[in-house]
Amino acid sequence: EAQLVESGGGLVQAGGSLTLSCVASGFTFDDYAIGWFRQAPGKEREGVSCISAIDRDTDYADSVKGRFTISSDNAKNTVYLQMNSLKPEDTALYYCAAGPLQLTHISDPAYKYDYWGQGTQVTVSS
């Protein structure tokens, strides 16, 4: 059974940092792209960043470019999202998702991702 488990969320002050982890199991990690998404209360789900597990190509939403870094450790079937210079508007439930390797842009539709985690909450206080 395919499974994605996120961790690393928490409460942080504006300007602080957090690193989220997404551990995958139950499918061949190298055959998928992994994306990070977020959803704040009352707002639509937003793509944050994505990475191809096989060639490490990455993409970022404009709202996080220069502040967030996505990376993967294929030996651990894990994708990380390093978040620096956090802002209150980054507050959201963060999800990771796995989808076909063709999903190379974070603007690709979320419905094309096959597997989703349960999410980890990130709260940034001002």
PDB file of N, CA and C in Angstrom:
ATOM      1  N   GLU A   1       0.842  -1.187   0.000  1.00  0.00           N
ATOM      2  CA  GLU A   1       0.000   0.000   0.000  1.00  0.00           C
ATOM      3  C   GLU A   1       0.883   1.244   0.000  1.00  0.00           C
ATOM      4  N   ALA A   2       0.634   2.129  -0.955  1.00  0.00           N
ATOM      5  CA  ALA A   2       1.402   3.366  -1.034  1.00  0.00           C
ATOM      6  C   ALA A   2       1.089   4.271   0.143  1.00  0.00           C
ATOM      7  N   GLN A   3       2.125   4.879   0.689  1.00  0.00           N
ATOM      8  CA  GLN A   3       1.933   5.733   1.849  1.00  0.00           C
ATOM      9  C   GLN A   3       2.941   6.871   1.833  1.00  0.00           C
ATOM     10  N   LEU A   4       2.489   8.052   2.212  1.00  0.00           N
ATOM     11  CA  LEU A   4       3.349   9.217   2.387  1.00  0.00           C
ATOM     12  C   LEU A   4       3.090   9.767   3.779  1.00  0.00           C
ATOM     13  N   VAL A   5       4.159   9.998   4.526  1.00  0.00           N
ATOM     14  CA  VAL A   5       4.019  10.498   5.889  1.00  0.00           C
ATOM     15  C   VAL A   5       4.856  11.754   6.044  1.00  0.00           C
ATOM     16  N   GLU A   6       4.188  12.862   6.355  1.00  0.00           N
ATOM     17  CA  GLU A   6       4.874  14.136   6.554  1.00  0.00           C
ATOM     18  C   GLU A   6       5.179  14.342   8.034  1.00  0.00           C
ATOM     19  N   SER A   7       6.236  15.084   8.282  1.00  0.00           N
ATOM     20  CA  SER A   7       6.575  15.472   9.647  1.00  0.00           C
ATOM     21  C   SER A   7       7.394  16.755   9.592  1.00  0.00           C
ATOM     22  N   GLY A   8       7.599  17.353  10.761  1.00  0.00           N
ATOM     23  CA  GLY A   8       8.461  18.521  10.847  1.00  0.00           C
ATOM     24  C   GLY A   8       7.743  19.843  11.008  1.00  0.00           C
ATOM     25  N   GLY A   9       6.431  19.814  10.940  1.00  0.00           N
ATOM     26  CA  GLY A   9       5.696  21.055  11.120  1.00  0.00           C
ATOM     27  C   GLY A   9       5.769  21.537  12.562  1.00  0.00           C
ATOM     28  N   GLY A  10       5.253  22.747  12.780  1.00  0.00           N
ATOM     29  CA  GLY A  10       5.256  23.295  14.125  1.00  0.00           C
ATOM     30  C   GLY A  10       4.957  24.771  14.127  1.00  0.00           C
ATOM     31  N   LEU A  11       5.194  25.369  15.280  1.00  0.00           N
ATOM     32  CA  LEU A  11       4.975  26.806  15.464  1.00  0.00           C
ATOM     33  C   LEU A  11       6.325  27.510  15.461  1.00  0.00           C
ATOM     34  N   VAL A  12       6.448  28.542  14.645  1.00  0.00           N
ATOM     35  CA  VAL A  12       7.705  29.267  14.539  1.00  0.00           C
ATOM     36  C   VAL A  12       7.404  30.748  14.373  1.00  0.00           C
ATOM     37  N   GLN A  13       8.311  31.572  14.833  1.00  0.00           N
ATOM     38  CA  GLN A  13       8.142  33.012  14.660  1.00  0.00           C
ATOM     39  C   GLN A  13       8.512  33.426  13.240  1.00  0.00           C
ATOM     40  N   ALA A  14       7.956  34.530  12.806  1.00  0.00           N
ATOM     41  CA  ALA A  14       8.296  35.072  11.493  1.00  0.00           C
ATOM     42  C   ALA A  14       9.809  35.256  11.387  1.00  0.00           C
ATOM     43  N   GLY A  15      10.342  34.880  10.249  1.00  0.00           N
ATOM     44  CA  GLY A  15      11.776  34.937  10.033  1.00  0.00           C
ATOM     45  C   GLY A  15      12.499  33.653  10.380  1.00  0.00           C
ATOM     46  N   GLY A  16      11.800  32.745  11.023  1.00  0.00           N
ATOM     47  CA  GLY A  16      12.399  31.485  11.424  1.00  0.00           C
ATOM     48  C   GLY A  16      12.401  30.451  10.317  1.00  0.00           C
ATOM     49  N   SER A  17      12.835  29.242  10.676  1.00  0.00           N
ATOM     50  CA  SER A  17      12.990  28.161   9.701  1.00  0.00           C
ATOM     51  C   SER A  17      12.377  26.865  10.209  1.00  0.00           C
ATOM     52  N   LEU A  18      11.952  26.054   9.292  1.00  0.00           N
ATOM     53  CA  LEU A  18      11.493  24.697   9.569  1.00  0.00           C
ATOM     54  C   LEU A  18      11.907  23.813   8.406  1.00  0.00           C
ATOM     55  N   THR A  19      12.101  22.537   8.686  1.00  0.00           N
ATOM     56  CA  THR A  19      12.340  21.563   7.626  1.00  0.00           C
ATOM     57  C   THR A  19      11.278  20.476   7.710  1.00  0.00           C
ATOM     58  N   LEU A  20      10.521  20.328   6.652  1.00  0.00           N
ATOM     59  CA  LEU A  20       9.509  19.286   6.576  1.00  0.00           C
ATOM     60  C   LEU A  20      10.109  18.055   5.907  1.00  0.00           C
ATOM     61  N   SER A  21       9.646  16.884   6.317  1.00  0.00           N
ATOM     62  CA  SER A  21      10.068  15.617   5.713  1.00  0.00           C
ATOM     63  C   SER A  21       8.840  14.885   5.191  1.00  0.00           C
ATOM     64  N   CYS A  22       9.047  14.164   4.122  1.00  0.00           N
ATOM     65  CA  CYS A  22       7.996  13.339   3.529  1.00  0.00           C
ATOM     66  C   CYS A  22       8.617  11.979   3.243  1.00  0.00           C
ATOM     67  N   VAL A  23       8.195  10.971   3.987  1.00  0.00           N
ATOM     68  CA  VAL A  23       8.733   9.623   3.821  1.00  0.00           C
ATOM     69  C   VAL A  23       7.741   8.793   3.017  1.00  0.00           C
ATOM     70  N   ALA A  24       8.234   8.195   1.935  1.00  0.00           N
ATOM     71  CA  ALA A  24       7.383   7.418   1.041  1.00  0.00           C
ATOM     72  C   ALA A  24       7.619   5.929   1.237  1.00  0.00           C
ATOM     73  N   SER A  25       6.564   5.156   1.052  1.00  0.00           N
ATOM     74  CA  SER A  25       6.681   3.703   1.104  1.00  0.00           C
ATOM     75  C   SER A  25       5.578   3.093   0.248  1.00  0.00           C
ATOM     76  N   GLY A  26       5.789   1.833  -0.140  1.00  0.00           N
ATOM     77  CA  GLY A  26       4.763   1.114  -0.874  1.00  0.00           C
ATOM     78  C   GLY A  26       4.744   1.345  -2.366  1.00  0.00           C
ATOM     79  N   PHE A  27       5.714   2.110  -2.886  1.00  0.00           N
ATOM     80  CA  PHE A  27       5.828   2.284  -4.333  1.00  0.00           C
ATOM     81  C   PHE A  27       7.288   2.585  -4.659  1.00  0.00           C
ATOM     82  N   THR A  28       7.632   2.510  -5.940  1.00  0.00           N
ATOM     83  CA  THR A  28       9.015   2.719  -6.362  1.00  0.00           C
ATOM     84  C   THR A  28       9.300   4.219  -6.402  1.00  0.00           C
ATOM     85  N   PHE A  29      10.036   4.676  -5.436  1.00  0.00           N
ATOM     86  CA  PHE A  29      10.267   6.110  -5.227  1.00  0.00           C
ATOM     87  C   PHE A  29      10.838   6.778  -6.472  1.00  0.00           C
ATOM     88  N   ASP A  30      11.806   6.108  -7.141  1.00  0.00           N
ATOM     89  CA  ASP A  30      12.485   6.710  -8.289  1.00  0.00           C
ATOM     90  C   ASP A  30      11.555   6.926  -9.487  1.00  0.00           C
ATOM     91  N   ASP A  31      10.398   6.316  -9.477  1.00  0.00           N
ATOM     92  CA  ASP A  31       9.472   6.406 -10.615  1.00  0.00           C
ATOM     93  C   ASP A  31       8.486   7.555 -10.474  1.00  0.00           C
ATOM     94  N   TYR A  32       8.672   8.374  -9.449  1.00  0.00           N
ATOM     95  CA  TYR A  32       7.689   9.401  -9.165  1.00  0.00           C
ATOM     96  C   TYR A  32       8.311  10.779  -8.976  1.00  0.00           C
ATOM     97  N   ALA A  33       7.485  11.775  -9.217  1.00  0.00           N
ATOM     98  CA  ALA A  33       7.765  13.132  -8.790  1.00  0.00           C
ATOM     99  C   ALA A  33       7.054  13.351  -7.453  1.00  0.00           C
ATOM    100  N   ILE A  34       7.675  14.132  -6.605  1.00  0.00           N
ATOM    101  CA  ILE A  34       7.085  14.447  -5.306  1.00  0.00           C
ATOM    102  C   ILE A  34       6.822  15.942  -5.242  1.00  0.00           C
ATOM    103  N   GLY A  35       5.631  16.287  -4.851  1.00  0.00           N
ATOM    104  CA  GLY A  35       5.273  17.689  -4.723  1.00  0.00           C
ATOM    105  C   GLY A  35       4.870  18.029  -3.304  1.00  0.00           C
ATOM    106  N   TRP A  36       5.136  19.267  -2.932  1.00  0.00           N
ATOM    107  CA  TRP A  36       4.639  19.798  -1.662  1.00  0.00           C
ATOM    108  C   TRP A  36       3.522  20.795  -1.978  1.00  0.00           C
ATOM    109  N   PHE A  37       2.419  20.671  -1.258  1.00  0.00           N
ATOM    110  CA  PHE A  37       1.276  21.554  -1.411  1.00  0.00           C
ATOM    111  C   PHE A  37       0.915  22.102  -0.032  1.00  0.00           C
ATOM    112  N   ARG A  38       0.164  23.170  -0.017  1.00  0.00           N
ATOM    113  CA  ARG A  38      -0.296  23.703   1.265  1.00  0.00           C
ATOM    114  C   ARG A  38      -1.708  24.261   1.106  1.00  0.00           C
ATOM    115  N   GLN A  39      -2.416  24.255   2.207  1.00  0.00           N
ATOM    116  CA  GLN A  39      -3.761  24.807   2.207  1.00  0.00           C
ATOM    117  C   GLN A  39      -4.014  25.500   3.536  1.00  0.00           C
ATOM    118  N   ALA A  40      -4.331  26.772   3.447  1.00  0.00           N
ATOM    119  CA  ALA A  40      -4.680  27.552   4.624  1.00  0.00           C
ATOM    120  C   ALA A  40      -6.199  27.587   4.758  1.00  0.00           C
ATOM    121  N   PRO A  41      -6.704  27.795   5.969  1.00  0.00           N
ATOM    122  CA  PRO A  41      -8.153  27.839   6.168  1.00  0.00           C
ATOM    123  C   PRO A  41      -8.802  28.876   5.264  1.00  0.00           C
ATOM    124  N   GLY A  42      -9.853  28.446   4.568  1.00  0.00           N
ATOM    125  CA  GLY A  42     -10.582  29.362   3.713  1.00  0.00           C
ATOM    126  C   GLY A  42      -9.924  29.670   2.390  1.00  0.00           C
ATOM    127  N   LYS A  43      -8.783  29.019   2.116  1.00  0.00           N
ATOM    128  CA  LYS A  43      -8.072  29.270   0.859  1.00  0.00           C
ATOM    129  C   LYS A  43      -7.948  27.977   0.055  1.00  0.00           C
ATOM    130  N   GLU A  44      -7.697  28.143  -1.238  1.00  0.00           N
ATOM    131  CA  GLU A  44      -7.509  26.988  -2.094  1.00  0.00           C
ATOM    132  C   GLU A  44      -6.130  26.360  -1.842  1.00  0.00           C
ATOM    133  N   ARG A  45      -6.053  25.077  -2.172  1.00  0.00           N
ATOM    134  CA  ARG A  45      -4.770  24.397  -2.086  1.00  0.00           C
ATOM    135  C   ARG A  45      -3.795  25.017  -3.087  1.00  0.00           C
ATOM    136  N   GLU A  46      -2.555  25.159  -2.654  1.00  0.00           N
ATOM    137  CA  GLU A  46      -1.530  25.830  -3.465  1.00  0.00           C
ATOM    138  C   GLU A  46      -0.324  24.914  -3.607  1.00  0.00           C
ATOM    139  N   GLY A  47       0.165  24.774  -4.828  1.00  0.00           N
ATOM    140  CA  GLY A  47       1.406  24.056  -5.039  1.00  0.00           C
ATOM    141  C   GLY A  47       2.573  24.881  -4.564  1.00  0.00           C
ATOM    142  N   VAL A  48       3.499  24.262  -3.840  1.00  0.00           N
ATOM    143  CA  VAL A  48       4.637  24.967  -3.268  1.00  0.00           C
ATOM    144  C   VAL A  48       5.926  24.640  -4.016  1.00  0.00           C
ATOM    145  N   SER A  49       6.193  23.340  -4.178  1.00  0.00           N
ATOM    146  CA  SER A  49       7.428  22.935  -4.823  1.00  0.00           C
ATOM    147  C   SER A  49       7.313  21.476  -5.252  1.00  0.00           C
ATOM    148  N   CYS A  50       8.128  21.089  -6.225  1.00  0.00           N
ATOM    149  CA  CYS A  50       8.142  19.696  -6.635  1.00  0.00           C
ATOM    150  C   CYS A  50       9.547  19.292  -7.060  1.00  0.00           C
ATOM    151  N   ILE A  51       9.787  17.973  -7.032  1.00  0.00           N
ATOM    152  CA  ILE A  51      11.093  17.444  -7.401  1.00  0.00           C
ATOM    153  C   ILE A  51      10.904  16.099  -8.073  1.00  0.00           C
ATOM    154  N   SER A  52      11.708  15.860  -9.103  1.00  0.00           N
ATOM    155  CA  SER A  52      11.713  14.551  -9.732  1.00  0.00           C
ATOM    156  C   SER A  52      12.691  13.670  -8.963  1.00  0.00           C
ATOM    157  N   ALA A  53      12.224  12.512  -8.518  1.00  0.00           N
ATOM    158  CA  ALA A  53      13.077  11.646  -7.708  1.00  0.00           C
ATOM    159  C   ALA A  53      14.241  11.085  -8.515  1.00  0.00           C
ATOM    160  N   ILE A  54      14.095  11.015  -9.831  1.00  0.00           N
ATOM    161  CA  ILE A  54      15.128  10.370 -10.632  1.00  0.00           C
ATOM    162  C   ILE A  54      16.206  11.343 -11.072  1.00  0.00           C
ATOM    163  N   ASP A  55      15.859  12.582 -11.447  1.00  0.00           N
ATOM    164  CA  ASP A  55      16.892  13.498 -11.925  1.00  0.00           C
ATOM    165  C   ASP A  55      16.998  14.775 -11.099  1.00  0.00           C
ATOM    166  N   ARG A  56      16.217  14.850 -10.042  1.00  0.00           N
ATOM    167  CA  ARG A  56      16.287  15.930  -9.062  1.00  0.00           C
ATOM    168  C   ARG A  56      15.909  17.304  -9.647  1.00  0.00           C
ATOM    169  N   ASP A  57      15.259  17.354 -10.809  1.00  0.00           N
ATOM    170  CA  ASP A  57      14.738  18.630 -11.307  1.00  0.00           C
ATOM    171  C   ASP A  57      13.742  19.192 -10.292  1.00  0.00           C
ATOM    172  N   THR A  58      13.796  20.495 -10.078  1.00  0.00           N
ATOM    173  CA  THR A  58      12.933  21.110  -9.084  1.00  0.00           C
ATOM    174  C   THR A  58      12.165  22.293  -9.680  1.00  0.00           C
ATOM    175  N   ASP A  59      11.096  22.642  -9.014  1.00  0.00           N
ATOM    176  CA  ASP A  59      10.325  23.823  -9.390  1.00  0.00           C
ATOM    177  C   ASP A  59       9.699  24.393  -8.128  1.00  0.00           C
ATOM    178  N   TYR A  60       9.478  25.715  -8.133  1.00  0.00           N
ATOM    179  CA  TYR A  60       8.953  26.390  -6.966  1.00  0.00           C
ATOM    180  C   TYR A  60       7.860  27.378  -7.360  1.00  0.00           C
ATOM    181  N   ALA A  61       6.908  27.555  -6.472  1.00  0.00           N
ATOM    182  CA  ALA A  61       5.947  28.636  -6.635  1.00  0.00           C
ATOM    183  C   ALA A  61       6.670  29.967  -6.425  1.00  0.00           C
ATOM    184  N   ASP A  62       6.210  30.996  -7.115  1.00  0.00           N
ATOM    185  CA  ASP A  62       6.854  32.302  -6.985  1.00  0.00           C
ATOM    186  C   ASP A  62       6.858  32.795  -5.543  1.00  0.00           C
ATOM    187  N   SER A  63       5.829  32.423  -4.800  1.00  0.00           N
ATOM    188  CA  SER A  63       5.680  32.908  -3.426  1.00  0.00           C
ATOM    189  C   SER A  63       6.752  32.373  -2.479  1.00  0.00           C
ATOM    190  N   VAL A  64       7.443  31.315  -2.879  1.00  0.00           N
ATOM    191  CA  VAL A  64       8.446  30.717  -1.979  1.00  0.00           C
ATOM    192  C   VAL A  64       9.846  30.686  -2.578  1.00  0.00           C
ATOM    193  N   LYS A  65       9.992  31.114  -3.825  1.00  0.00           N
ATOM    194  CA  LYS A  65      11.312  31.092  -4.454  1.00  0.00           C
ATOM    195  C   LYS A  65      12.305  31.916  -3.657  1.00  0.00           C
ATOM    196  N   GLY A  66      13.488  31.348  -3.474  1.00  0.00           N
ATOM    197  CA  GLY A  66      14.532  32.037  -2.714  1.00  0.00           C
ATOM    198  C   GLY A  66      14.437  31.813  -1.216  1.00  0.00           C
ATOM    199  N   ARG A  67      13.326  31.257  -0.742  1.00  0.00           N
ATOM    200  CA  ARG A  67      13.156  30.997   0.694  1.00  0.00           C
ATOM    201  C   ARG A  67      13.065  29.506   1.007  1.00  0.00           C
ATOM    202  N   PHE A  68      12.454  28.747   0.127  1.00  0.00           N
ATOM    203  CA  PHE A  68      12.259  27.306   0.330  1.00  0.00           C
ATOM    204  C   PHE A  68      13.184  26.528  -0.589  1.00  0.00           C
ATOM    205  N   THR A  69      13.649  25.371  -0.099  1.00  0.00           N
ATOM    206  CA  THR A  69      14.476  24.479  -0.909  1.00  0.00           C
ATOM    207  C   THR A  69      13.972  23.056  -0.762  1.00  0.00           C
ATOM    208  N   ILE A  70      13.715  22.422  -1.891  1.00  0.00           N
ATOM    209  CA  ILE A  70      13.278  21.032  -1.886  1.00  0.00           C
ATOM    210  C   ILE A  70      14.463  20.141  -2.237  1.00  0.00           C
ATOM    211  N   SER A  71      14.542  18.979  -1.595  1.00  0.00           N
ATOM    212  CA  SER A  71      15.614  18.039  -1.882  1.00  0.00           C
ATOM    213  C   SER A  71      15.106  16.634  -1.613  1.00  0.00           C
ATOM    214  N   SER A  72      15.843  15.660  -2.100  1.00  0.00           N
ATOM    215  CA  SER A  72      15.427  14.279  -1.875  1.00  0.00           C
ATOM    216  C   SER A  72      16.620  13.428  -1.486  1.00  0.00           C
ATOM    217  N   ASP A  73      16.353  12.422  -0.691  1.00  0.00           N
ATOM    218  CA  ASP A  73      17.339  11.399  -0.320  1.00  0.00           C
ATOM    219  C   ASP A  73      16.736  10.078  -0.769  1.00  0.00           C
ATOM    220  N   ASN A  74      17.136   9.634  -1.955  1.00  0.00           N
ATOM    221  CA  ASN A  74      16.512   8.448  -2.525  1.00  0.00           C
ATOM    222  C   ASN A  74      16.808   7.194  -1.710  1.00  0.00           C
ATOM    223  N   ALA A  75      17.926   7.158  -1.039  1.00  0.00           N
ATOM    224  CA  ALA A  75      18.250   5.995  -0.204  1.00  0.00           C
ATOM    225  C   ALA A  75      17.270   5.857   0.950  1.00  0.00           C
ATOM    226  N   LYS A  76      16.689   6.970   1.348  1.00  0.00           N
ATOM    227  CA  LYS A  76      15.736   6.963   2.459  1.00  0.00           C
ATOM    228  C   LYS A  76      14.297   7.152   1.994  1.00  0.00           C
ATOM    229  N   ASN A  77      14.097   7.207   0.667  1.00  0.00           N
ATOM    230  CA  ASN A  77      12.744   7.455   0.123  1.00  0.00           C
ATOM    231  C   ASN A  77      12.107   8.679   0.781  1.00  0.00           C
ATOM    232  N   THR A  78      12.878   9.714   0.922  1.00  0.00           N
ATOM    233  CA  THR A  78      12.435  10.892   1.660  1.00  0.00           C
ATOM    234  C   THR A  78      12.678  12.162   0.854  1.00  0.00           C
ATOM    235  N   VAL A  79      11.714  13.044   0.893  1.00  0.00           N
ATOM    236  CA  VAL A  79      11.842  14.374   0.309  1.00  0.00           C
ATOM    237  C   VAL A  79      11.725  15.394   1.432  1.00  0.00           C
ATOM    238  N   TYR A  80      12.581  16.405   1.375  1.00  0.00           N
ATOM    239  CA  TYR A  80      12.608  17.445   2.391  1.00  0.00           C
ATOM    240  C   TYR A  80      12.170  18.784   1.792  1.00  0.00           C
ATOM    241  N   LEU A  81      11.614  19.612   2.640  1.00  0.00           N
ATOM    242  CA  LEU A  81      11.324  20.988   2.251  1.00  0.00           C
ATOM    243  C   LEU A  81      11.900  21.892   3.337  1.00  0.00           C
ATOM    244  N   GLN A  82      13.037  22.500   3.012  1.00  0.00           N
ATOM    245  CA  GLN A  82      13.674  23.442   3.928  1.00  0.00           C
ATOM    246  C   GLN A  82      13.017  24.797   3.721  1.00  0.00           C
ATOM    247  N   MET A  83      12.452  25.341   4.797  1.00  0.00           N
ATOM    248  CA  MET A  83      11.726  26.603   4.700  1.00  0.00           C
ATOM    249  C   MET A  83      12.419  27.644   5.568  1.00  0.00           C
ATOM    250  N   ASN A  84      12.936  28.672   4.933  1.00  0.00           N
ATOM    251  CA  ASN A  84      13.618  29.761   5.629  1.00  0.00           C
ATOM    252  C   ASN A  84      12.829  31.055   5.485  1.00  0.00           C
ATOM    253  N   SER A  85      13.171  32.025   6.318  1.00  0.00           N
ATOM    254  CA  SER A  85      12.534  33.352   6.263  1.00  0.00           C
ATOM    255  C   SER A  85      11.011  33.216   6.221  1.00  0.00           C
ATOM    256  N   LEU A  86      10.489  32.415   7.115  1.00  0.00           N
ATOM    257  CA  LEU A  86       9.054  32.136   7.109  1.00  0.00           C
ATOM    258  C   LEU A  86       8.254  33.395   7.423  1.00  0.00           C
ATOM    259  N   LYS A  87       7.093  33.478   6.785  1.00  0.00           N
ATOM    260  CA  LYS A  87       6.189  34.599   6.942  1.00  0.00           C
ATOM    261  C   LYS A  87       4.849  34.104   7.478  1.00  0.00           C
ATOM    262  N   PRO A  88       4.090  34.966   8.138  1.00  0.00           N
ATOM    263  CA  PRO A  88       2.760  34.528   8.611  1.00  0.00           C
ATOM    264  C   PRO A  88       1.891  33.958   7.490  1.00  0.00           C
ATOM    265  N   GLU A  89       2.046  34.464   6.285  1.00  0.00           N
ATOM    266  CA  GLU A  89       1.236  33.948   5.166  1.00  0.00           C
ATOM    267  C   GLU A  89       1.659  32.552   4.719  1.00  0.00           C
ATOM    268  N   ASP A  90       2.750  32.024   5.278  1.00  0.00           N
ATOM    269  CA  ASP A  90       3.128  30.638   5.005  1.00  0.00           C
ATOM    270  C   ASP A  90       2.362  29.664   5.894  1.00  0.00           C
ATOM    271  N   THR A  91       1.601  30.166   6.844  1.00  0.00           N
ATOM    272  CA  THR A  91       0.825  29.318   7.733  1.00  0.00           C
ATOM    273  C   THR A  91      -0.186  28.502   6.937  1.00  0.00           C
ATOM    274  N   ALA A  92      -0.126  27.188   7.094  1.00  0.00           N
ATOM    275  CA  ALA A  92      -1.004  26.295   6.340  1.00  0.00           C
ATOM    276  C   ALA A  92      -0.756  24.854   6.774  1.00  0.00           C
ATOM    277  N   LEU A  93      -1.616  23.975   6.297  1.00  0.00           N
ATOM    278  CA  LEU A  93      -1.379  22.539   6.397  1.00  0.00           C
ATOM    279  C   LEU A  93      -0.609  22.140   5.149  1.00  0.00           C
ATOM    280  N   TYR A  94       0.558  21.555   5.351  1.00  0.00           N
ATOM    281  CA  TYR A  94       1.436  21.192   4.248  1.00  0.00           C
ATOM    282  C   TYR A  94       1.323  19.703   3.958  1.00  0.00           C
ATOM    283  N   TYR A  95       1.100  19.374   2.693  1.00  0.00           N
ATOM    284  CA  TYR A  95       0.961  17.992   2.241  1.00  0.00           C
ATOM    285  C   TYR A  95       2.076  17.672   1.249  1.00  0.00           C
ATOM    286  N   CYS A  96       2.506  16.409   1.236  1.00  0.00           N
ATOM    287  CA  CYS A  96       3.309  15.958   0.117  1.00  0.00           C
ATOM    288  C   CYS A  96       2.484  14.966  -0.697  1.00  0.00           C
ATOM    289  N   ALA A  97       2.817  14.881  -1.969  1.00  0.00           N
ATOM    290  CA  ALA A  97       2.085  14.020  -2.877  1.00  0.00           C
ATOM    291  C   ALA A  97       3.052  13.419  -3.884  1.00  0.00           C
ATOM    292  N   ALA A  98       2.734  12.239  -4.387  1.00  0.00           N
ATOM    293  CA  ALA A  98       3.549  11.555  -5.376  1.00  0.00           C
ATOM    294  C   ALA A  98       2.760  11.395  -6.662  1.00  0.00           C
ATOM    295  N   GLY A  99       3.410  11.699  -7.766  1.00  0.00           N
ATOM    296  CA  GLY A  99       2.740  11.592  -9.054  1.00  0.00           C
ATOM    297  C   GLY A  99       3.712  11.206 -10.148  1.00  0.00           C
ATOM    298  N   PRO A 100       3.239  11.059 -11.381  1.00  0.00           N
ATOM    299  CA  PRO A 100       4.096  10.657 -12.495  1.00  0.00           C
ATOM    300  C   PRO A 100       5.269  11.615 -12.692  1.00  0.00           C
ATOM    301  N   LEU A 101       6.364  11.085 -13.226  1.00  0.00           N
ATOM    302  CA  LEU A 101       7.560  11.891 -13.453  1.00  0.00           C
ATOM    303  C   LEU A 101       7.326  13.053 -14.420  1.00  0.00           C
ATOM    304  N   GLN A 102       6.245  12.965 -15.203  1.00  0.00           N
ATOM    305  CA  GLN A 102       5.922  14.058 -16.126  1.00  0.00           C
ATOM    306  C   GLN A 102       5.508  15.332 -15.406  1.00  0.00           C
ATOM    307  N   LEU A 103       5.230  15.239 -14.137  1.00  0.00           N
ATOM    308  CA  LEU A 103       4.813  16.410 -13.358  1.00  0.00           C
ATOM    309  C   LEU A 103       6.053  17.189 -12.943  1.00  0.00           C
ATOM    310  N   THR A 104       6.550  18.028 -13.836  1.00  0.00           N
ATOM    311  CA  THR A 104       7.806  18.735 -13.595  1.00  0.00           C
ATOM    312  C   THR A 104       7.613  20.171 -13.163  1.00  0.00           C
ATOM    313  N   HIS A 105       6.369  20.645 -13.193  1.00  0.00           N
ATOM    314  CA  HIS A 105       6.089  22.022 -12.808  1.00  0.00           C
ATOM    315  C   HIS A 105       5.088  22.032 -11.664  1.00  0.00           C
ATOM    316  N   ILE A 106       5.318  22.880 -10.684  1.00  0.00           N
ATOM    317  CA  ILE A 106       4.428  22.934  -9.534  1.00  0.00           C
ATOM    318  C   ILE A 106       3.061  23.459  -9.940  1.00  0.00           C
ATOM    319  N   SER A 107       2.981  24.064 -11.116  1.00  0.00           N
ATOM    320  CA  SER A 107       1.690  24.518 -11.634  1.00  0.00           C
ATOM    321  C   SER A 107       0.868  23.378 -12.233  1.00  0.00           C
ATOM    322  N   ASP A 108       1.460  22.199 -12.374  1.00  0.00           N
ATOM    323  CA  ASP A 108       0.693  21.053 -12.879  1.00  0.00           C
ATOM    324  C   ASP A 108      -0.462  20.759 -11.927  1.00  0.00           C
ATOM    325  N   PRO A 109      -1.590  20.314 -12.477  1.00  0.00           N
ATOM    326  CA  PRO A 109      -2.789  20.107 -11.635  1.00  0.00           C
ATOM    327  C   PRO A 109      -2.560  19.105 -10.518  1.00  0.00           C
ATOM    328  N   ALA A 110      -3.051  19.432  -9.353  1.00  0.00           N
ATOM    329  CA  ALA A 110      -2.887  18.559  -8.196  1.00  0.00           C
ATOM    330  C   ALA A 110      -3.593  17.217  -8.398  1.00  0.00           C
ATOM    331  N   TYR A 111      -4.671  17.199  -9.193  1.00  0.00           N
ATOM    332  CA  TYR A 111      -5.417  15.949  -9.349  1.00  0.00           C
ATOM    333  C   TYR A 111      -4.605  14.885 -10.080  1.00  0.00           C
ATOM    334  N   LYS A 112      -3.505  15.301 -10.707  1.00  0.00           N
ATOM    335  CA  LYS A 112      -2.664  14.327 -11.413  1.00  0.00           C
ATOM    336  C   LYS A 112      -1.741  13.560 -10.464  1.00  0.00           C
ATOM    337  N   TYR A 113      -1.670  13.991  -9.222  1.00  0.00           N
ATOM    338  CA  TYR A 113      -0.864  13.262  -8.247  1.00  0.00           C
ATOM    339  C   TYR A 113      -1.659  12.061  -7.736  1.00  0.00           C
ATOM    340  N   ASP A 114      -0.960  10.948  -7.583  1.00  0.00           N
ATOM    341  CA  ASP A 114      -1.632   9.683  -7.254  1.00  0.00           C
ATOM    342  C   ASP A 114      -1.802   9.455  -5.756  1.00  0.00           C
ATOM    343  N   TYR A 115      -0.795   9.814  -4.991  1.00  0.00           N
ATOM    344  CA  TYR A 115      -0.796   9.501  -3.566  1.00  0.00           C
ATOM    345  C   TYR A 115      -0.569  10.778  -2.754  1.00  0.00           C
ATOM    346  N   TRP A 116      -1.241  10.851  -1.619  1.00  0.00           N
ATOM    347  CA  TRP A 116      -1.180  12.035  -0.763  1.00  0.00           C
ATOM    348  C   TRP A 116      -0.954  11.626   0.690  1.00  0.00           C
ATOM    349  N   GLY A 117      -0.202  12.463   1.398  1.00  0.00           N
ATOM    350  CA  GLY A 117      -0.052  12.276   2.824  1.00  0.00           C
ATOM    351  C   GLY A 117      -1.169  12.971   3.580  1.00  0.00           C
ATOM    352  N   GLN A 118      -1.100  12.869   4.899  1.00  0.00           N
ATOM    353  CA  GLN A 118      -2.143  13.446   5.757  1.00  0.00           C
ATOM    354  C   GLN A 118      -1.867  14.898   6.116  1.00  0.00           C
ATOM    355  N   GLY A 119      -0.646  15.333   5.913  1.00  0.00           N
ATOM    356  CA  GLY A 119      -0.323  16.729   6.153  1.00  0.00           C
ATOM    357  C   GLY A 119       0.341  16.988   7.497  1.00  0.00           C
ATOM    358  N   THR A 120       1.076  18.088   7.553  1.00  0.00           N
ATOM    359  CA  THR A 120       1.695  18.554   8.787  1.00  0.00           C
ATOM    360  C   THR A 120       1.465  20.059   8.883  1.00  0.00           C
ATOM    361  N   GLN A 121       1.087  20.521  10.072  1.00  0.00           N
ATOM    362  CA  GLN A 121       0.694  21.921  10.237  1.00  0.00           C
ATOM    363  C   GLN A 121       1.916  22.803  10.461  1.00  0.00           C
ATOM    364  N   VAL A 122       1.953  23.895   9.724  1.00  0.00           N
ATOM    365  CA  VAL A 122       2.979  24.927   9.913  1.00  0.00           C
ATOM    366  C   VAL A 122       2.266  26.213  10.297  1.00  0.00           C
ATOM    367  N   THR A 123       2.664  26.763  11.434  1.00  0.00           N
ATOM    368  CA  THR A 123       2.083  28.017  11.897  1.00  0.00           C
ATOM    369  C   THR A 123       3.201  29.022  12.142  1.00  0.00           C
ATOM    370  N   VAL A 124       3.099  30.165  11.494  1.00  0.00           N
ATOM    371  CA  VAL A 124       4.123  31.206  11.623  1.00  0.00           C
ATOM    372  C   VAL A 124       3.484  32.402  12.314  1.00  0.00           C
ATOM    373  N   SER A 125       4.021  32.742  13.468  1.00  0.00           N
ATOM    374  CA  SER A 125       3.478  33.863  14.231  1.00  0.00           C
ATOM    375  C   SER A 125       4.207  35.154  13.878  1.00  0.00           C
ATOM    376  N   SER A 126       3.484  36.256  13.947  1.00  0.00           N
ATOM    377  CA  SER A 126       4.071  37.554  13.587  1.00  0.00           C
ATOM    378  C   SER A 126       4.711  38.227  14.786  1.00  0.00           C
TER     379      SER A 126
END
